[in-house]
Amino acid sequence: MTTNIHNDEQRIKLFKALADPTRLEIVRTLRKSATEMSCGEVGEQCEASKSNTSYHFRTLREAGLIQVRKDAQTKYMRLNTETFERYLPGFLDTL
């Protein structure tokens, strides 16, 4: 029973994170990229301000949908495909 509750909590986080058009566009942009992208590159492609994208990146990271790596002053991100495969199999193929 505890596992189901944990899975349901994770699903709620995922759906809340994906319910925003900007965050969905970030996921779509990262999906199109064959490699990781800097936060600035993602923001430019999504035509969003830096402060706005920071909030969206945090929401996606906390939901487990992206992974972020910092190199000096630059943050790089990529999709966490394991989360999508576990909770939303086939979702990325629909983007």
C-alpha atoms as a PDB file:
ATOM      1  CA  MET A   1       0.000   0.000   0.000  1.00  0.00           C
ATOM      2  CA  THR A   2       2.837   2.435   0.816  1.00  0.00           C
ATOM      3  CA  THR A   3       4.302   1.889  -2.651  1.00  0.00           C
ATOM      4  CA  ASN A   4       0.982   2.831  -4.283  1.00  0.00           C
ATOM      5  CA  ILE A   5       0.754   5.995  -2.193  1.00  0.00           C
ATOM      6  CA  HIS A   6       4.337   6.941  -3.114  1.00  0.00           C
ATOM      7  CA  ASN A   7       3.637   6.242  -6.800  1.00  0.00           C
ATOM      8  CA  ASP A   8       0.448   8.321  -6.654  1.00  0.00           C
ATOM      9  CA  GLU A   9       2.314  11.227  -5.036  1.00  0.00           C
ATOM     10  CA  GLN A  10       4.937  11.048  -7.777  1.00  0.00           C
ATOM     11  CA  ARG A  11       2.270  10.948 -10.487  1.00  0.00           C
ATOM     12  CA  ILE A  12       0.621  14.053  -9.014  1.00  0.00           C
ATOM     13  CA  LYS A  13       3.970  15.903  -9.135  1.00  0.00           C
ATOM     14  CA  LEU A  14       4.484  14.798 -12.737  1.00  0.00           C
ATOM     15  CA  PHE A  15       1.058  15.875 -13.913  1.00  0.00           C
ATOM     16  CA  LYS A  16       1.289  19.229 -12.130  1.00  0.00           C
ATOM     17  CA  ALA A  17       4.694  19.853 -13.702  1.00  0.00           C
ATOM     18  CA  LEU A  18       3.471  18.931 -17.184  1.00  0.00           C
ATOM     19  CA  ALA A  19       0.225  20.905 -16.907  1.00  0.00           C
ATOM     20  CA  ASP A  20       1.991  24.191 -17.661  1.00  0.00           C
ATOM     21  CA  PRO A  21       2.512  25.128 -21.350  1.00  0.00           C
ATOM     22  CA  THR A  22       5.997  26.559 -20.740  1.00  0.00           C
ATOM     23  CA  ARG A  23       7.193  23.450 -18.912  1.00  0.00           C
ATOM     24  CA  LEU A  24       5.722  21.241 -21.605  1.00  0.00           C
ATOM     25  CA  GLU A  25       7.634  23.285 -24.190  1.00  0.00           C
ATOM     26  CA  ILE A  26      10.838  22.843 -22.152  1.00  0.00           C
ATOM     27  CA  VAL A  27      10.305  19.067 -22.162  1.00  0.00           C
ATOM     28  CA  ARG A  28       9.618  19.171 -25.914  1.00  0.00           C
ATOM     29  CA  THR A  29      12.797  21.213 -26.508  1.00  0.00           C
ATOM     30  CA  LEU A  30      14.921  18.818 -24.469  1.00  0.00           C
ATOM     31  CA  ARG A  31      13.328  15.854 -26.248  1.00  0.00           C
ATOM     32  CA  LYS A  32      14.367  17.271 -29.636  1.00  0.00           C
ATOM     33  CA  SER A  33      17.936  17.740 -28.437  1.00  0.00           C
ATOM     34  CA  ALA A  34      20.126  14.674 -28.764  1.00  0.00           C
ATOM     35  CA  THR A  35      22.321  15.881 -25.882  1.00  0.00           C
ATOM     36  CA  GLU A  36      22.031  18.008 -22.787  1.00  0.00           C
ATOM     37  CA  MET A  37      21.442  21.730 -23.180  1.00  0.00           C
ATOM     38  CA  SER A  38      22.394  24.729 -21.072  1.00  0.00           C
ATOM     39  CA  CYS A  39      19.590  26.474 -19.223  1.00  0.00           C
ATOM     40  CA  GLY A  40      20.223  29.550 -21.369  1.00  0.00           C
ATOM     41  CA  GLU A  41      19.846  27.579 -24.599  1.00  0.00           C
ATOM     42  CA  VAL A  42      16.561  26.083 -23.434  1.00  0.00           C
ATOM     43  CA  GLY A  43      15.281  29.485 -22.345  1.00  0.00           C
ATOM     44  CA  GLU A  44      16.170  31.028 -25.715  1.00  0.00           C
ATOM     45  CA  GLN A  45      14.437  28.277 -27.668  1.00  0.00           C
ATOM     46  CA  CYS A  46      11.351  28.534 -25.477  1.00  0.00           C
ATOM     47  CA  GLU A  47      11.453  32.349 -25.646  1.00  0.00           C
ATOM     48  CA  ALA A  48      11.154  32.689 -21.881  1.00  0.00           C
ATOM     49  CA  SER A  49      12.846  35.064 -19.448  1.00  0.00           C
ATOM     50  CA  LYS A  50      15.656  33.806 -17.216  1.00  0.00           C
ATOM     51  CA  SER A  51      13.708  34.301 -13.994  1.00  0.00           C
ATOM     52  CA  ASN A  52      10.660  32.576 -15.457  1.00  0.00           C
ATOM     53  CA  THR A  53      12.618  29.582 -16.746  1.00  0.00           C
ATOM     54  CA  SER A  54      14.437  29.129 -13.424  1.00  0.00           C
ATOM     55  CA  TYR A  55      11.098  28.545 -11.725  1.00  0.00           C
ATOM     56  CA  HIS A  56      10.026  26.074 -14.414  1.00  0.00           C
ATOM     57  CA  PHE A  57      13.360  24.222 -14.333  1.00  0.00           C
ATOM     58  CA  ARG A  58      13.064  23.816 -10.562  1.00  0.00           C
ATOM     59  CA  THR A  59       9.517  22.465 -10.863  1.00  0.00           C
ATOM     60  CA  LEU A  60      10.579  19.952 -13.524  1.00  0.00           C
ATOM     61  CA  ARG A  61      13.639  18.909 -11.509  1.00  0.00           C
ATOM     62  CA  GLU A  62      11.623  18.427  -8.311  1.00  0.00           C
ATOM     63  CA  ALA A  63       9.174  16.240 -10.245  1.00  0.00           C
ATOM     64  CA  GLY A  64      12.107  14.128 -11.445  1.00  0.00           C
ATOM     65  CA  LEU A  65      11.531  14.985 -15.112  1.00  0.00           C
ATOM     66  CA  ILE A  66      14.913  16.612 -15.747  1.00  0.00           C
ATOM     67  CA  GLN A  67      18.417  16.215 -14.414  1.00  0.00           C
ATOM     68  CA  VAL A  68      20.648  19.239 -13.933  1.00  0.00           C
ATOM     69  CA  ARG A  69      24.446  19.338 -13.926  1.00  0.00           C
ATOM     70  CA  LYS A  70      26.487  22.405 -13.034  1.00  0.00           C
ATOM     71  CA  ASP A  71      29.816  23.116 -14.731  1.00  0.00           C
ATOM     72  CA  ALA A  72      31.424  26.305 -13.395  1.00  0.00           C
ATOM     73  CA  GLN A  73      28.730  28.982 -13.802  1.00  0.00           C
ATOM     74  CA  THR A  74      26.653  27.103 -16.371  1.00  0.00           C
ATOM     75  CA  LYS A  75      23.890  24.639 -15.615  1.00  0.00           C
ATOM     76  CA  TYR A  76      23.111  21.902 -18.119  1.00  0.00           C
ATOM     77  CA  MET A  77      19.977  19.834 -18.226  1.00  0.00           C
ATOM     78  CA  ARG A  78      18.616  16.764 -19.884  1.00  0.00           C
ATOM     79  CA  LEU A  79      15.444  14.764 -19.649  1.00  0.00           C
ATOM     80  CA  ASN A  80      15.278  12.064 -17.017  1.00  0.00           C
ATOM     81  CA  THR A  81      13.914   9.449 -19.393  1.00  0.00           C
ATOM     82  CA  GLU A  82      13.767   6.828 -16.639  1.00  0.00           C
ATOM     83  CA  THR A  83      11.011   8.800 -14.900  1.00  0.00           C
ATOM     84  CA  PHE A  84       9.048   9.127 -18.139  1.00  0.00           C
ATOM     85  CA  GLU A  85       9.455   5.415 -18.903  1.00  0.00           C
ATOM     86  CA  ARG A  86       8.362   4.394 -15.414  1.00  0.00           C
ATOM     87  CA  TYR A  87       5.357   6.678 -14.931  1.00  0.00           C
ATOM     88  CA  LEU A  88       4.408   7.842 -18.436  1.00  0.00           C
ATOM     89  CA  PRO A  89       5.548   5.198 -20.922  1.00  0.00           C
ATOM     90  CA  GLY A  90       5.213   6.388 -24.509  1.00  0.00           C
ATOM     91  CA  PHE A  91       4.579  10.021 -23.510  1.00  0.00           C
ATOM     92  CA  LEU A  92       7.778  11.401 -25.015  1.00  0.00           C
ATOM     93  CA  ASP A  93       6.930   9.818 -28.363  1.00  0.00           C
ATOM     94  CA  THR A  94       3.781  11.956 -28.522  1.00  0.00           C
ATOM     95  CA  LEU A  95       5.666  15.254 -28.415  1.00  0.00           C
END
